[in-house]
């Protein structure tokens, strides 16, 4: 049997047929033997769902390898399209410095551009694409998703909004956080200075000794 990669429904079925026939014809076979070998050994190049399909073919339903190849391509061309759609949704990933709320918005937009993405794909892809290093909020949401698995996209979005309550990710942006703390200290200093100034400006009146109507 030629060394042909097994087909598992994730590649182009036409390419598999071409590779298989080329490998068989490359052996030292008589022309009348080629058709028989193509038919008898094709099942050995299949695995998983493709092998299940082959094993369920009705007996005496295939008269030639051409008929078998056409049937194989027709059945598995659709499976290839489904697989490519799944690959596309799993390509979406959260950037290193992307805020969680920004990523959720972008994920929803890109998901809508893909045709007919099932909820289970969206949930799995979103969970895997969360980057726990981007912010504390992303880390907490990913931990929640892994601990209590969501089943629908609505569940994911509700958990993002109500359970996590994003506070605009400071982790990953220490300079901004320090800047805010510094501004708070400056504001406090100004407040104390104003309070002292007001206190000095409005001291209580004191009667001056030796004068009946003098005030200091």
C-alpha atoms as a PDB file:
ATOM      1  CA  UNK A   1       0.000   0.000   0.000  1.00  0.00           C
ATOM      2  CA  UNK A   2       1.444   3.443  -0.952  1.00  0.00           C
ATOM      3  CA  UNK A   3       2.268   5.846   1.890  1.00  0.00           C
ATOM      4  CA  UNK A   4      -0.727   8.190   1.547  1.00  0.00           C
ATOM      5  CA  UNK A   5      -1.740  10.575   4.407  1.00  0.00           C
ATOM      6  CA  UNK A   6      -5.055   9.483   5.872  1.00  0.00           C
ATOM      7  CA  UNK A   7      -8.041  11.681   5.117  1.00  0.00           C
ATOM      8  CA  UNK A   8      -9.869  12.927   8.263  1.00  0.00           C
ATOM      9  CA  UNK A   9     -12.338  15.450   6.720  1.00  0.00           C
ATOM     10  CA  UNK A  10     -10.098  18.476   7.392  1.00  0.00           C
ATOM     11  CA  UNK A  11      -8.459  18.755   3.965  1.00  0.00           C
ATOM     12  CA  UNK A  12      -9.622  19.020   0.345  1.00  0.00           C
ATOM     13  CA  UNK A  13     -11.140  15.671  -0.777  1.00  0.00           C
ATOM     14  CA  UNK A  14     -10.090  16.343  -4.386  1.00  0.00           C
ATOM     15  CA  UNK A  15      -6.448  16.640  -3.334  1.00  0.00           C
ATOM     16  CA  UNK A  16      -6.739  13.346  -1.464  1.00  0.00           C
ATOM     17  CA  UNK A  17      -8.088  11.552  -4.552  1.00  0.00           C
ATOM     18  CA  UNK A  18      -5.272  12.994  -6.695  1.00  0.00           C
ATOM     19  CA  UNK A  19      -2.572  11.985  -4.199  1.00  0.00           C
ATOM     20  CA  UNK A  20      -4.028   8.503  -3.830  1.00  0.00           C
ATOM     21  CA  UNK A  21      -4.392   7.743  -7.543  1.00  0.00           C
ATOM     22  CA  UNK A  22      -0.935   9.106  -8.325  1.00  0.00           C
ATOM     23  CA  UNK A  23       0.625   6.920  -5.621  1.00  0.00           C
ATOM     24  CA  UNK A  24      -1.146   3.760  -6.800  1.00  0.00           C
ATOM     25  CA  UNK A  25      -0.327   4.337 -10.464  1.00  0.00           C
ATOM     26  CA  UNK A  26       3.309   4.911  -9.487  1.00  0.00           C
ATOM     27  CA  UNK A  27       3.627   1.242  -8.510  1.00  0.00           C
ATOM     28  CA  UNK A  28       4.696  -1.401 -10.976  1.00  0.00           C
ATOM     29  CA  UNK A  29       1.175  -2.554 -11.866  1.00  0.00           C
ATOM     30  CA  UNK A  30      -0.403  -3.780 -15.070  1.00  0.00           C
ATOM     31  CA  UNK A  31      -3.048  -1.397 -16.466  1.00  0.00           C
ATOM     32  CA  UNK A  32      -5.851  -3.869 -15.740  1.00  0.00           C
ATOM     33  CA  UNK A  33      -4.750  -4.121 -12.101  1.00  0.00           C
ATOM     34  CA  UNK A  34      -4.872  -0.404 -11.333  1.00  0.00           C
ATOM     35  CA  UNK A  35      -8.688  -0.088 -11.174  1.00  0.00           C
ATOM     36  CA  UNK A  36      -8.978  -3.089  -8.868  1.00  0.00           C
ATOM     37  CA  UNK A  37      -6.270  -1.798  -6.492  1.00  0.00           C
ATOM     38  CA  UNK A  38      -7.792   1.708  -6.423  1.00  0.00           C
ATOM     39  CA  UNK A  39     -11.130   0.259  -5.328  1.00  0.00           C
ATOM     40  CA  UNK A  40      -9.843  -2.299  -2.825  1.00  0.00           C
ATOM     41  CA  UNK A  41      -7.294  -0.152  -0.938  1.00  0.00           C
ATOM     42  CA  UNK A  42      -9.068   3.230  -0.869  1.00  0.00           C
ATOM     43  CA  UNK A  43     -10.585   2.520   2.562  1.00  0.00           C
ATOM     44  CA  UNK A  44      -7.077   2.178   4.038  1.00  0.00           C
ATOM     45  CA  UNK A  45      -6.437   5.878   3.329  1.00  0.00           C
ATOM     46  CA  UNK A  46      -9.412   7.060   5.403  1.00  0.00           C
ATOM     47  CA  UNK A  47      -9.905   7.699   9.119  1.00  0.00           C
ATOM     48  CA  UNK A  48     -12.517   9.020  11.564  1.00  0.00           C
ATOM     49  CA  UNK A  49     -15.744  10.229   9.885  1.00  0.00           C
ATOM     50  CA  UNK A  50     -14.516   9.495   6.379  1.00  0.00           C
ATOM     51  CA  UNK A  51     -13.823   5.873   7.287  1.00  0.00           C
ATOM     52  CA  UNK A  52     -17.292   5.586   8.861  1.00  0.00           C
ATOM     53  CA  UNK A  53     -18.846   6.885   5.627  1.00  0.00           C
ATOM     54  CA  UNK A  54     -16.874   4.329   3.583  1.00  0.00           C
ATOM     55  CA  UNK A  55     -17.849   1.423   5.822  1.00  0.00           C
ATOM     56  CA  UNK A  56     -21.561   2.309   5.509  1.00  0.00           C
ATOM     57  CA  UNK A  57     -21.628   2.258   1.705  1.00  0.00           C
ATOM     58  CA  UNK A  58     -24.308  -0.216   0.521  1.00  0.00           C
ATOM     59  CA  UNK A  59     -22.963  -3.480  -0.833  1.00  0.00           C
ATOM     60  CA  UNK A  60     -22.539  -3.582  -4.637  1.00  0.00           C
ATOM     61  CA  UNK A  61     -23.346   0.148  -4.865  1.00  0.00           C
ATOM     62  CA  UNK A  62     -20.010   1.096  -6.481  1.00  0.00           C
ATOM     63  CA  UNK A  63     -19.181  -0.101 -10.001  1.00  0.00           C
ATOM     64  CA  UNK A  64     -15.955   1.833 -10.627  1.00  0.00           C
ATOM     65  CA  UNK A  65     -13.333   3.918  -8.868  1.00  0.00           C
ATOM     66  CA  UNK A  66     -14.582   6.981 -10.751  1.00  0.00           C
ATOM     67  CA  UNK A  67     -18.002   6.490  -9.150  1.00  0.00           C
ATOM     68  CA  UNK A  68     -16.386   6.026  -5.725  1.00  0.00           C
ATOM     69  CA  UNK A  69     -14.236   9.144  -6.148  1.00  0.00           C
ATOM     70  CA  UNK A  70     -17.174  11.315  -7.235  1.00  0.00           C
ATOM     71  CA  UNK A  71     -19.300  10.119  -4.319  1.00  0.00           C
ATOM     72  CA  UNK A  72     -16.423  10.741  -1.893  1.00  0.00           C
ATOM     73  CA  UNK A  73     -15.845  14.300  -3.151  1.00  0.00           C
ATOM     74  CA  UNK A  74     -19.547  15.162  -3.127  1.00  0.00           C
ATOM     75  CA  UNK A  75     -20.023  14.027   0.475  1.00  0.00           C
ATOM     76  CA  UNK A  76     -16.880  15.577   1.927  1.00  0.00           C
ATOM     77  CA  UNK A  77     -16.769  18.905   0.090  1.00  0.00           C
ATOM     78  CA  UNK A  78     -19.414  20.214   2.513  1.00  0.00           C
ATOM     79  CA  UNK A  79     -17.473  18.939   5.522  1.00  0.00           C
ATOM     80  CA  UNK A  80     -14.415  20.865   4.354  1.00  0.00           C
ATOM     81  CA  UNK A  81     -16.391  24.131   4.192  1.00  0.00           C
ATOM     82  CA  UNK A  82     -17.696  23.602   7.729  1.00  0.00           C
ATOM     83  CA  UNK A  83     -14.176  22.948   8.973  1.00  0.00           C
ATOM     84  CA  UNK A  84     -12.833  26.121   7.328  1.00  0.00           C
ATOM     85  CA  UNK A  85     -15.561  28.199   9.032  1.00  0.00           C
ATOM     86  CA  UNK A  86     -14.575  26.721  12.374  1.00  0.00           C
ATOM     87  CA  UNK A  87     -10.917  27.558  11.757  1.00  0.00           C
ATOM     88  CA  UNK A  88     -11.842  31.198  11.055  1.00  0.00           C
ATOM     89  CA  UNK A  89     -13.643  31.751  14.379  1.00  0.00           C
ATOM     90  CA  UNK A  90     -10.720  30.225  16.286  1.00  0.00           C
ATOM     91  CA  UNK A  91      -8.304  32.686  14.670  1.00  0.00           C
ATOM     92  CA  UNK A  92      -9.742  35.602  16.669  1.00  0.00           C
ATOM     93  CA  UNK A  93      -7.520  36.286  19.690  1.00  0.00           C
ATOM     94  CA  UNK A  94      -7.209  38.981  22.359  1.00  0.00           C
ATOM     95  CA  UNK A  95      -4.168  41.216  21.975  1.00  0.00           C
ATOM     96  CA  UNK A  96      -1.572  41.660  24.712  1.00  0.00           C
ATOM     97  CA  UNK A  97      -2.660  45.237  25.488  1.00  0.00           C
ATOM     98  CA  UNK A  98      -6.305  44.954  24.358  1.00  0.00           C
ATOM     99  CA  UNK A  99      -8.868  45.825  27.022  1.00  0.00           C
ATOM    100  CA  UNK A 100     -11.457  43.152  27.701  1.00  0.00           C
ATOM    101  CA  UNK A 101     -14.403  45.353  26.726  1.00  0.00           C
ATOM    102  CA  UNK A 102     -12.631  46.166  23.439  1.00  0.00           C
ATOM    103  CA  UNK A 103     -12.017  42.490  22.727  1.00  0.00           C
ATOM    104  CA  UNK A 104     -15.619  41.493  23.491  1.00  0.00           C
ATOM    105  CA  UNK A 105     -16.874  44.146  21.048  1.00  0.00           C
ATOM    106  CA  UNK A 106     -14.404  43.074  18.336  1.00  0.00           C
ATOM    107  CA  UNK A 107     -15.170  39.377  18.819  1.00  0.00           C
ATOM    108  CA  UNK A 108     -18.899  40.005  18.365  1.00  0.00           C
ATOM    109  CA  UNK A 109     -18.323  42.040  15.199  1.00  0.00           C
ATOM    110  CA  UNK A 110     -16.024  39.457  13.615  1.00  0.00           C
ATOM    111  CA  UNK A 111     -18.352  36.633  14.627  1.00  0.00           C
ATOM    112  CA  UNK A 112     -21.251  38.343  12.842  1.00  0.00           C
ATOM    113  CA  UNK A 113     -19.192  38.552   9.645  1.00  0.00           C
ATOM    114  CA  UNK A 114     -18.779  34.753   9.585  1.00  0.00           C
ATOM    115  CA  UNK A 115     -21.691  32.755   8.252  1.00  0.00           C
ATOM    116  CA  UNK A 116     -23.670  30.519  10.629  1.00  0.00           C
ATOM    117  CA  UNK A 117     -21.261  30.125  13.547  1.00  0.00           C
ATOM    118  CA  UNK A 118     -22.873  27.790  16.127  1.00  0.00           C
ATOM    119  CA  UNK A 119     -22.972  28.946  19.741  1.00  0.00           C
ATOM    120  CA  UNK A 120     -20.753  26.112  20.939  1.00  0.00           C
ATOM    121  CA  UNK A 121     -18.006  27.196  18.514  1.00  0.00           C
ATOM    122  CA  UNK A 122     -18.265  30.826  19.609  1.00  0.00           C
ATOM    123  CA  UNK A 123     -18.117  29.923  23.317  1.00  0.00           C
ATOM    124  CA  UNK A 124     -15.136  27.597  22.872  1.00  0.00           C
ATOM    125  CA  UNK A 125     -13.258  30.036  20.622  1.00  0.00           C
ATOM    126  CA  UNK A 126     -13.862  33.009  22.941  1.00  0.00           C
ATOM    127  CA  UNK A 127     -12.694  31.074  26.016  1.00  0.00           C
ATOM    128  CA  UNK A 128      -9.510  29.904  24.298  1.00  0.00           C
ATOM    129  CA  UNK A 129      -8.729  33.339  22.840  1.00  0.00           C
ATOM    130  CA  UNK A 130      -8.947  35.232  26.168  1.00  0.00           C
ATOM    131  CA  UNK A 131      -5.486  36.453  27.144  1.00  0.00           C
ATOM    132  CA  UNK A 132      -5.150  36.336  30.969  1.00  0.00           C
ATOM    133  CA  UNK A 133      -1.997  38.474  30.754  1.00  0.00           C
ATOM    134  CA  UNK A 134      -3.765  41.415  29.114  1.00  0.00           C
ATOM    135  CA  UNK A 135      -5.647  42.438  32.274  1.00  0.00           C
ATOM    136  CA  UNK A 136      -6.986  41.274  35.603  1.00  0.00           C
ATOM    137  CA  UNK A 137     -10.513  41.363  34.173  1.00  0.00           C
ATOM    138  CA  UNK A 138      -9.574  38.975  31.338  1.00  0.00           C
ATOM    139  CA  UNK A 139      -7.913  36.600  33.781  1.00  0.00           C
ATOM    140  CA  UNK A 140     -10.978  36.512  36.055  1.00  0.00           C
ATOM    141  CA  UNK A 141     -13.363  35.963  33.151  1.00  0.00           C
ATOM    142  CA  UNK A 142     -11.251  33.136  31.726  1.00  0.00           C
ATOM    143  CA  UNK A 143     -11.091  31.441  35.134  1.00  0.00           C
ATOM    144  CA  UNK A 144     -14.874  31.712  35.403  1.00  0.00           C
ATOM    145  CA  UNK A 145     -15.384  30.296  31.892  1.00  0.00           C
ATOM    146  CA  UNK A 146     -13.103  27.326  32.584  1.00  0.00           C
ATOM    147  CA  UNK A 147     -14.641  26.597  35.983  1.00  0.00           C
ATOM    148  CA  UNK A 148     -18.274  26.951  34.916  1.00  0.00           C
ATOM    149  CA  UNK A 149     -18.510  26.232  31.201  1.00  0.00           C
ATOM    150  CA  UNK A 150     -20.957  28.389  29.259  1.00  0.00           C
ATOM    151  CA  UNK A 151     -23.237  26.821  26.665  1.00  0.00           C
ATOM    152  CA  UNK A 152     -24.419  29.851  24.671  1.00  0.00           C
ATOM    153  CA  UNK A 153     -22.967  33.179  23.583  1.00  0.00           C
ATOM    154  CA  UNK A 154     -25.691  34.974  25.554  1.00  0.00           C
ATOM    155  CA  UNK A 155     -24.417  33.229  28.678  1.00  0.00           C
ATOM    156  CA  UNK A 156     -20.884  34.415  27.929  1.00  0.00           C
ATOM    157  CA  UNK A 157     -21.990  38.016  27.416  1.00  0.00           C
ATOM    158  CA  UNK A 158     -24.166  38.074  30.535  1.00  0.00           C
ATOM    159  CA  UNK A 159     -21.315  36.700  32.622  1.00  0.00           C
ATOM    160  CA  UNK A 160     -19.018  39.363  31.206  1.00  0.00           C
ATOM    161  CA  UNK A 161     -21.480  42.136  32.092  1.00  0.00           C
ATOM    162  CA  UNK A 162     -22.942  41.073  35.432  1.00  0.00           C
ATOM    163  CA  UNK A 163     -20.514  38.676  37.079  1.00  0.00           C
ATOM    164  CA  UNK A 164     -17.189  40.325  36.327  1.00  0.00           C
ATOM    165  CA  UNK A 165     -18.231  44.008  36.269  1.00  0.00           C
ATOM    166  CA  UNK A 166     -15.268  45.376  34.373  1.00  0.00           C
ATOM    167  CA  UNK A 167     -13.528  48.350  35.985  1.00  0.00           C
ATOM    168  CA  UNK A 168     -11.357  49.323  33.039  1.00  0.00           C
ATOM    169  CA  UNK A 169      -8.370  47.091  33.250  1.00  0.00           C
ATOM    170  CA  UNK A 170      -5.522  48.735  35.136  1.00  0.00           C
ATOM    171  CA  UNK A 171      -3.335  45.622  35.151  1.00  0.00           C
ATOM    172  CA  UNK A 172      -0.996  45.827  32.199  1.00  0.00           C
ATOM    173  CA  UNK A 173      -1.032  49.646  32.326  1.00  0.00           C
ATOM    174  CA  UNK A 174       0.890  50.457  35.553  1.00  0.00           C
ATOM    175  CA  UNK A 175       1.945  53.909  34.369  1.00  0.00           C
ATOM    176  CA  UNK A 176      -1.689  54.985  34.035  1.00  0.00           C
ATOM    177  CA  UNK A 177      -2.512  53.656  37.464  1.00  0.00           C
ATOM    178  CA  UNK A 178       0.473  55.445  39.011  1.00  0.00           C
ATOM    179  CA  UNK A 179      -0.523  58.631  37.238  1.00  0.00           C
ATOM    180  CA  UNK A 180      -4.007  58.469  38.723  1.00  0.00           C
ATOM    181  CA  UNK A 181      -2.569  57.894  42.203  1.00  0.00           C
ATOM    182  CA  UNK A 182      -0.236  60.858  41.765  1.00  0.00           C
ATOM    183  CA  UNK A 183      -3.133  63.070  40.668  1.00  0.00           C
ATOM    184  CA  UNK A 184      -5.051  62.033  43.777  1.00  0.00           C
ATOM    185  CA  UNK A 185      -2.110  63.062  45.987  1.00  0.00           C
ATOM    186  CA  UNK A 186      -1.778  66.424  44.216  1.00  0.00           C
ATOM    187  CA  UNK A 187      -5.515  67.068  44.584  1.00  0.00           C
ATOM    188  CA  UNK A 188      -5.317  66.232  48.294  1.00  0.00           C
ATOM    189  CA  UNK A 189      -2.391  68.666  48.770  1.00  0.00           C
ATOM    190  CA  UNK A 190      -4.321  71.454  47.061  1.00  0.00           C
ATOM    191  CA  UNK A 191      -7.357  70.699  49.189  1.00  0.00           C
ATOM    192  CA  UNK A 192      -5.304  70.934  52.397  1.00  0.00           C
ATOM    193  CA  UNK A 193      -3.709  74.224  51.251  1.00  0.00           C
ATOM    194  CA  UNK A 194      -7.123  75.748  50.454  1.00  0.00           C
ATOM    195  CA  UNK A 195      -8.491  74.609  53.780  1.00  0.00           C
ATOM    196  CA  UNK A 196      -5.587  76.248  55.677  1.00  0.00           C
ATOM    197  CA  UNK A 197      -5.945  79.425  53.625  1.00  0.00           C
ATOM    198  CA  UNK A 198      -9.637  79.677  54.443  1.00  0.00           C
ATOM    199  CA  UNK A 199      -8.971  79.041  58.111  1.00  0.00           C
ATOM    200  CA  UNK A 200      -6.397  81.871  58.263  1.00  0.00           C
ATOM    201  CA  UNK A 201      -8.620  84.239  56.322  1.00  0.00           C
ATOM    202  CA  UNK A 202     -11.578  83.905  58.642  1.00  0.00           C
ATOM    203  CA  UNK A 203     -10.001  83.878  62.136  1.00  0.00           C
ATOM    204  CA  UNK A 204     -12.440  84.641  64.977  1.00  0.00           C
ATOM    205  CA  UNK A 205     -12.553  88.318  66.164  1.00  0.00           C
ATOM    206  CA  UNK A 206     -10.661  89.033  69.414  1.00  0.00           C
ATOM    207  CA  UNK A 207     -11.185  92.161  71.559  1.00  0.00           C
ATOM    208  CA  UNK A 208      -7.977  94.283  71.903  1.00  0.00           C
ATOM    209  CA  UNK A 209      -6.932  95.145  75.430  1.00  0.00           C
ATOM    210  CA  UNK A 210      -7.182  98.799  76.376  1.00  0.00           C
ATOM    211  CA  UNK A 211      -9.642  99.745  73.697  1.00  0.00           C
ATOM    212  CA  UNK A 212     -13.371  99.643  73.962  1.00  0.00           C
ATOM    213  CA  UNK A 213     -14.207  99.164  70.300  1.00  0.00           C
ATOM    214  CA  UNK A 214     -10.983  97.867  68.757  1.00  0.00           C
ATOM    215  CA  UNK A 215     -10.841  94.415  67.255  1.00  0.00           C
ATOM    216  CA  UNK A 216      -7.987  92.376  66.016  1.00  0.00           C
END
